Amino acid sequence: MVQKVAVYRKSAKGVEALAKRDPSLGMRLRSLLILVDGKRDVDELARMSATPAELQQSFAQLLALGMIEPLPPPATAPTGTPAAAVAPARIVTLVEAQRAAVRGLTNLLGPTADDLCLRIESARTAQELLAVIKRAEIAVRSARGAQAAATFMADMQAHRPG
């Protein structure tokens, strides 16, 4: 059962399916899998979906296929501060950077970002990813303006793989 307030992330199987462009995923499931990012809850994703019933069915399929998994509730530090606030900074992996880029482009450009998202997902090195992100910046600037492009690039800088 899909929990409406739960936040889901791609499982290793889901990341692999996107990277390999698994043909068993239809376009609807692939699009939803791209949007599942470990940050948006089901309600937020539902607002981006055609119908709540369609979203529930697609989520159930992705769960059954082992492509997504729910995140555990956030832990808190002993002082009541969220654990993320006291955790040391960590290095962003290539996959995390790709997810952030796909999420950002999808939010800004919607379905018109599909080609760039596929290129981002197929990047095998940080240099390849950065080259595609520069192309994405141009697309965002063209479609949404300089401010949106600057915001996108600032987010990408925060998610730069190291």
C-alpha atoms as a PDB file:
ATOM      1  CA  MET A   1       0.000   0.000   0.000  1.00  0.00           C
ATOM      2  CA  VAL A   2       1.351   3.410  -0.950  1.00  0.00           C
ATOM      3  CA  GLN A   3       1.488   5.821   1.983  1.00  0.00           C
ATOM      4  CA  LYS A   4       0.434   9.349   0.968  1.00  0.00           C
ATOM      5  CA  VAL A   5       2.753  11.136   3.396  1.00  0.00           C
ATOM      6  CA  ALA A   6       5.684   8.833   2.713  1.00  0.00           C
ATOM      7  CA  VAL A   7       8.703   9.871   0.717  1.00  0.00           C
ATOM      8  CA  TYR A   8      10.088   7.306  -1.699  1.00  0.00           C
ATOM      9  CA  ARG A   9      13.451   6.958  -3.390  1.00  0.00           C
ATOM     10  CA  LYS A  10      14.686   4.910  -6.305  1.00  0.00           C
ATOM     11  CA  SER A  11      16.112   1.559  -5.295  1.00  0.00           C
ATOM     12  CA  ALA A  12      19.345   0.307  -6.820  1.00  0.00           C
ATOM     13  CA  LYS A  13      17.183  -1.682  -9.245  1.00  0.00           C
ATOM     14  CA  GLY A  14      15.286   1.482 -10.200  1.00  0.00           C
ATOM     15  CA  VAL A  15      18.470   3.467 -10.801  1.00  0.00           C
ATOM     16  CA  GLU A  16      19.821   0.638 -12.940  1.00  0.00           C
ATOM     17  CA  ALA A  17      16.571   0.384 -14.924  1.00  0.00           C
ATOM     18  CA  LEU A  18      16.753   4.099 -15.751  1.00  0.00           C
ATOM     19  CA  ALA A  19      20.427   3.951 -16.622  1.00  0.00           C
ATOM     20  CA  LYS A  20      19.901   0.972 -18.938  1.00  0.00           C
ATOM     21  CA  ARG A  21      16.619   2.368 -20.299  1.00  0.00           C
ATOM     22  CA  ASP A  22      14.858  -0.856 -19.366  1.00  0.00           C
ATOM     23  CA  PRO A  23      12.244  -1.503 -22.081  1.00  0.00           C
ATOM     24  CA  SER A  24       9.944  -3.251 -19.597  1.00  0.00           C
ATOM     25  CA  LEU A  25       9.187   0.159 -18.072  1.00  0.00           C
ATOM     26  CA  GLY A  26       6.530   1.945 -20.042  1.00  0.00           C
ATOM     27  CA  MET A  27       6.784   5.696 -20.559  1.00  0.00           C
ATOM     28  CA  ARG A  28       4.327   6.399 -17.722  1.00  0.00           C
ATOM     29  CA  LEU A  29       6.301   4.301 -15.208  1.00  0.00           C
ATOM     30  CA  ARG A  30       9.635   5.660 -16.413  1.00  0.00           C
ATOM     31  CA  SER A  31       8.416   9.246 -16.047  1.00  0.00           C
ATOM     32  CA  LEU A  32       7.194   8.587 -12.518  1.00  0.00           C
ATOM     33  CA  LEU A  33      10.412   6.776 -11.615  1.00  0.00           C
ATOM     34  CA  ILE A  34      12.391   9.815 -12.781  1.00  0.00           C
ATOM     35  CA  LEU A  35      10.294  12.045 -10.498  1.00  0.00           C
ATOM     36  CA  VAL A  36      10.780   9.830  -7.424  1.00  0.00           C
ATOM     37  CA  ASP A  37      13.723  11.558  -5.796  1.00  0.00           C
ATOM     38  CA  GLY A  38      13.696  10.914  -2.068  1.00  0.00           C
ATOM     39  CA  LYS A  39      12.492  14.464  -1.414  1.00  0.00           C
ATOM     40  CA  ARG A  40       8.933  14.770  -2.726  1.00  0.00           C
ATOM     41  CA  ASP A  41       6.181  12.940  -0.897  1.00  0.00           C
ATOM     42  CA  VAL A  42       3.387  11.068  -2.641  1.00  0.00           C
ATOM     43  CA  ASP A  43       0.969  14.000  -2.292  1.00  0.00           C
ATOM     44  CA  GLU A  44       3.381  16.314  -4.105  1.00  0.00           C
ATOM     45  CA  LEU A  45       3.879  13.756  -6.867  1.00  0.00           C
ATOM     46  CA  ALA A  46       0.099  13.333  -7.103  1.00  0.00           C
ATOM     47  CA  ARG A  47      -0.247  17.021  -7.938  1.00  0.00           C
ATOM     48  CA  MET A  48       2.055  16.405 -10.921  1.00  0.00           C
ATOM     49  CA  SER A  49       0.069  13.354 -12.053  1.00  0.00           C
ATOM     50  CA  ALA A  50      -2.937  13.109 -14.336  1.00  0.00           C
ATOM     51  CA  THR A  51      -5.140  11.346 -11.783  1.00  0.00           C
ATOM     52  CA  PRO A  52      -4.628  10.116  -8.206  1.00  0.00           C
ATOM     53  CA  ALA A  53      -5.809   6.630  -9.183  1.00  0.00           C
ATOM     54  CA  GLU A  54      -3.219   6.479 -11.968  1.00  0.00           C
ATOM     55  CA  LEU A  55      -0.497   7.559  -9.545  1.00  0.00           C
ATOM     56  CA  GLN A  56      -1.528   4.945  -6.975  1.00  0.00           C
ATOM     57  CA  GLN A  57      -1.495   2.217  -9.624  1.00  0.00           C
ATOM     58  CA  SER A  58       1.894   3.311 -10.980  1.00  0.00           C
ATOM     59  CA  PHE A  59       3.411   3.541  -7.500  1.00  0.00           C
ATOM     60  CA  ALA A  60       2.087   0.079  -6.682  1.00  0.00           C
ATOM     61  CA  GLN A  61       3.702  -1.267  -9.869  1.00  0.00           C
ATOM     62  CA  LEU A  62       7.052   0.386  -9.109  1.00  0.00           C
ATOM     63  CA  LEU A  63       6.952  -0.988  -5.559  1.00  0.00           C
ATOM     64  CA  ALA A  64       6.072  -4.484  -6.800  1.00  0.00           C
ATOM     65  CA  LEU A  65       8.939  -4.342  -9.308  1.00  0.00           C
ATOM     66  CA  GLY A  66      11.332  -3.257  -6.560  1.00  0.00           C
ATOM     67  CA  MET A  67      12.144   0.006  -8.382  1.00  0.00           C
ATOM     68  CA  ILE A  68      11.316   2.310  -5.447  1.00  0.00           C
ATOM     69  CA  GLU A  69      11.428   2.065  -1.664  1.00  0.00           C
ATOM     70  CA  PRO A  70      10.074   4.243   1.156  1.00  0.00           C
ATOM     71  CA  LEU A  71      12.547   6.364   3.077  1.00  0.00           C
ATOM     72  CA  PRO A  72      12.681   5.845   6.832  1.00  0.00           C
ATOM     73  CA  PRO A  73      11.376   8.746   8.932  1.00  0.00           C
ATOM     74  CA  PRO A  74      14.080  11.360   9.635  1.00  0.00           C
ATOM     75  CA  ALA A  75      16.136  10.741  12.743  1.00  0.00           C
ATOM     76  CA  THR A  76      16.802  13.472  15.248  1.00  0.00           C
ATOM     77  CA  ALA A  77      19.925  14.207  17.184  1.00  0.00           C
ATOM     78  CA  PRO A  78      19.728  14.035  21.021  1.00  0.00           C
ATOM     79  CA  THR A  79      19.244  17.817  21.233  1.00  0.00           C
ATOM     80  CA  GLY A  80      16.162  17.640  19.006  1.00  0.00           C
ATOM     81  CA  THR A  81      18.082  19.002  16.026  1.00  0.00           C
ATOM     82  CA  PRO A  82      17.469  17.058  12.810  1.00  0.00           C
ATOM     83  CA  ALA A  83      20.290  14.574  12.227  1.00  0.00           C
ATOM     84  CA  ALA A  84      21.011  16.102   8.805  1.00  0.00           C
ATOM     85  CA  ALA A  85      21.871  19.406  10.498  1.00  0.00           C
ATOM     86  CA  VAL A  86      24.595  17.802  12.612  1.00  0.00           C
ATOM     87  CA  ALA A  87      25.914  15.377  10.017  1.00  0.00           C
ATOM     88  CA  PRO A  88      29.215  16.290   8.393  1.00  0.00           C
ATOM     89  CA  ALA A  89      29.201  17.355   4.743  1.00  0.00           C
ATOM     90  CA  ARG A  90      29.542  14.440   2.353  1.00  0.00           C
ATOM     91  CA  ILE A  91      30.664  13.989  -1.189  1.00  0.00           C
ATOM     92  CA  VAL A  92      27.914  13.952  -3.817  1.00  0.00           C
ATOM     93  CA  THR A  93      28.021  10.851  -6.028  1.00  0.00           C
ATOM     94  CA  LEU A  94      27.537  10.919  -9.779  1.00  0.00           C
ATOM     95  CA  VAL A  95      24.140   9.216  -9.416  1.00  0.00           C
ATOM     96  CA  GLU A  96      22.990  11.788  -6.831  1.00  0.00           C
ATOM     97  CA  ALA A  97      24.126  14.624  -9.082  1.00  0.00           C
ATOM     98  CA  GLN A  98      22.254  13.042 -12.003  1.00  0.00           C
ATOM     99  CA  ARG A  99      19.096  12.732  -9.914  1.00  0.00           C
ATOM    100  CA  ALA A 100      19.306  16.373  -8.850  1.00  0.00           C
ATOM    101  CA  ALA A 101      19.810  17.495 -12.455  1.00  0.00           C
ATOM    102  CA  VAL A 102      16.892  15.406 -13.745  1.00  0.00           C
ATOM    103  CA  ARG A 103      14.649  16.632 -10.924  1.00  0.00           C
ATOM    104  CA  GLY A 104      15.586  20.266 -11.584  1.00  0.00           C
ATOM    105  CA  LEU A 105      15.053  20.020 -15.326  1.00  0.00           C
ATOM    106  CA  THR A 106      11.767  18.168 -14.947  1.00  0.00           C
ATOM    107  CA  ASN A 107      10.505  20.840 -12.550  1.00  0.00           C
ATOM    108  CA  LEU A 108      11.550  23.656 -14.878  1.00  0.00           C
ATOM    109  CA  LEU A 109      10.814  22.230 -18.324  1.00  0.00           C
ATOM    110  CA  GLY A 110       8.422  19.328 -17.785  1.00  0.00           C
ATOM    111  CA  PRO A 111       8.230  16.762 -20.596  1.00  0.00           C
ATOM    112  CA  THR A 112      10.320  18.922 -22.916  1.00  0.00           C
ATOM    113  CA  ALA A 113      13.315  18.006 -20.740  1.00  0.00           C
ATOM    114  CA  ASP A 114      13.081  14.283 -21.554  1.00  0.00           C
ATOM    115  CA  ASP A 115      15.924  14.265 -24.091  1.00  0.00           C
ATOM    116  CA  LEU A 116      18.269  16.150 -21.777  1.00  0.00           C
ATOM    117  CA  CYS A 117      17.238  13.931 -18.849  1.00  0.00           C
ATOM    118  CA  LEU A 118      18.143  10.833 -20.860  1.00  0.00           C
ATOM    119  CA  ARG A 119      21.529  12.351 -21.684  1.00  0.00           C
ATOM    120  CA  ILE A 120      22.084  13.193 -18.019  1.00  0.00           C
ATOM    121  CA  GLU A 121      21.181   9.659 -16.963  1.00  0.00           C
ATOM    122  CA  SER A 122      23.563   8.177 -19.537  1.00  0.00           C
ATOM    123  CA  ALA A 123      26.567  10.276 -18.410  1.00  0.00           C
ATOM    124  CA  ARG A 124      29.284   7.935 -17.161  1.00  0.00           C
ATOM    125  CA  THR A 125      31.675  10.531 -15.736  1.00  0.00           C
ATOM    126  CA  ALA A 126      31.408  13.839 -13.929  1.00  0.00           C
ATOM    127  CA  GLN A 127      32.863  15.576 -16.991  1.00  0.00           C
ATOM    128  CA  GLU A 128      30.177  14.099 -19.267  1.00  0.00           C
ATOM    129  CA  LEU A 129      27.505  15.149 -16.775  1.00  0.00           C
ATOM    130  CA  LEU A 130      28.839  18.706 -16.566  1.00  0.00           C
ATOM    131  CA  ALA A 131      28.825  18.998 -20.366  1.00  0.00           C
ATOM    132  CA  VAL A 132      25.148  17.989 -20.498  1.00  0.00           C
ATOM    133  CA  ILE A 133      24.299  20.326 -17.608  1.00  0.00           C
ATOM    134  CA  LYS A 134      25.799  23.223 -19.580  1.00  0.00           C
ATOM    135  CA  ARG A 135      23.484  22.321 -22.473  1.00  0.00           C
ATOM    136  CA  ALA A 136      20.606  22.121 -20.005  1.00  0.00           C
ATOM    137  CA  GLU A 137      21.432  25.605 -18.712  1.00  0.00           C
ATOM    138  CA  ILE A 138      21.033  26.949 -22.249  1.00  0.00           C
ATOM    139  CA  ALA A 139      17.670  25.196 -22.610  1.00  0.00           C
ATOM    140  CA  VAL A 140      16.447  26.552 -19.261  1.00  0.00           C
ATOM    141  CA  ARG A 141      17.618  30.069 -20.147  1.00  0.00           C
ATOM    142  CA  SER A 142      15.821  29.859 -23.483  1.00  0.00           C
ATOM    143  CA  ALA A 143      12.573  28.539 -22.007  1.00  0.00           C
ATOM    144  CA  ARG A 144      12.415  30.179 -18.582  1.00  0.00           C
ATOM    145  CA  GLY A 145      14.859  33.101 -18.575  1.00  0.00           C
ATOM    146  CA  ALA A 146      18.199  34.033 -17.076  1.00  0.00           C
ATOM    147  CA  GLN A 147      17.039  33.964 -13.448  1.00  0.00           C
ATOM    148  CA  ALA A 148      15.708  30.402 -13.737  1.00  0.00           C
ATOM    149  CA  ALA A 149      18.937  29.333 -15.442  1.00  0.00           C
ATOM    150  CA  ALA A 150      21.019  30.926 -12.676  1.00  0.00           C
ATOM    151  CA  THR A 151      18.935  29.202  -9.996  1.00  0.00           C
ATOM    152  CA  PHE A 152      19.245  25.867 -11.827  1.00  0.00           C
ATOM    153  CA  MET A 153      23.028  26.243 -12.076  1.00  0.00           C
ATOM    154  CA  ALA A 154      23.306  27.192  -8.391  1.00  0.00           C
ATOM    155  CA  ASP A 155      21.432  24.003  -7.511  1.00  0.00           C
ATOM    156  CA  MET A 156      23.683  22.001  -9.822  1.00  0.00           C
ATOM    157  CA  GLN A 157      26.754  23.533  -8.171  1.00  0.00           C
ATOM    158  CA  ALA A 158      25.423  22.373  -4.792  1.00  0.00           C
ATOM    159  CA  HIS A 159      25.046  18.870  -6.263  1.00  0.00           C
ATOM    160  CA  ARG A 160      28.356  18.795  -8.119  1.00  0.00           C
ATOM    161  CA  PRO A 161      29.824  15.293  -7.991  1.00  0.00           C
ATOM    162  CA  GLY A 162      33.068  15.094  -6.101  1.00  0.00           C
END
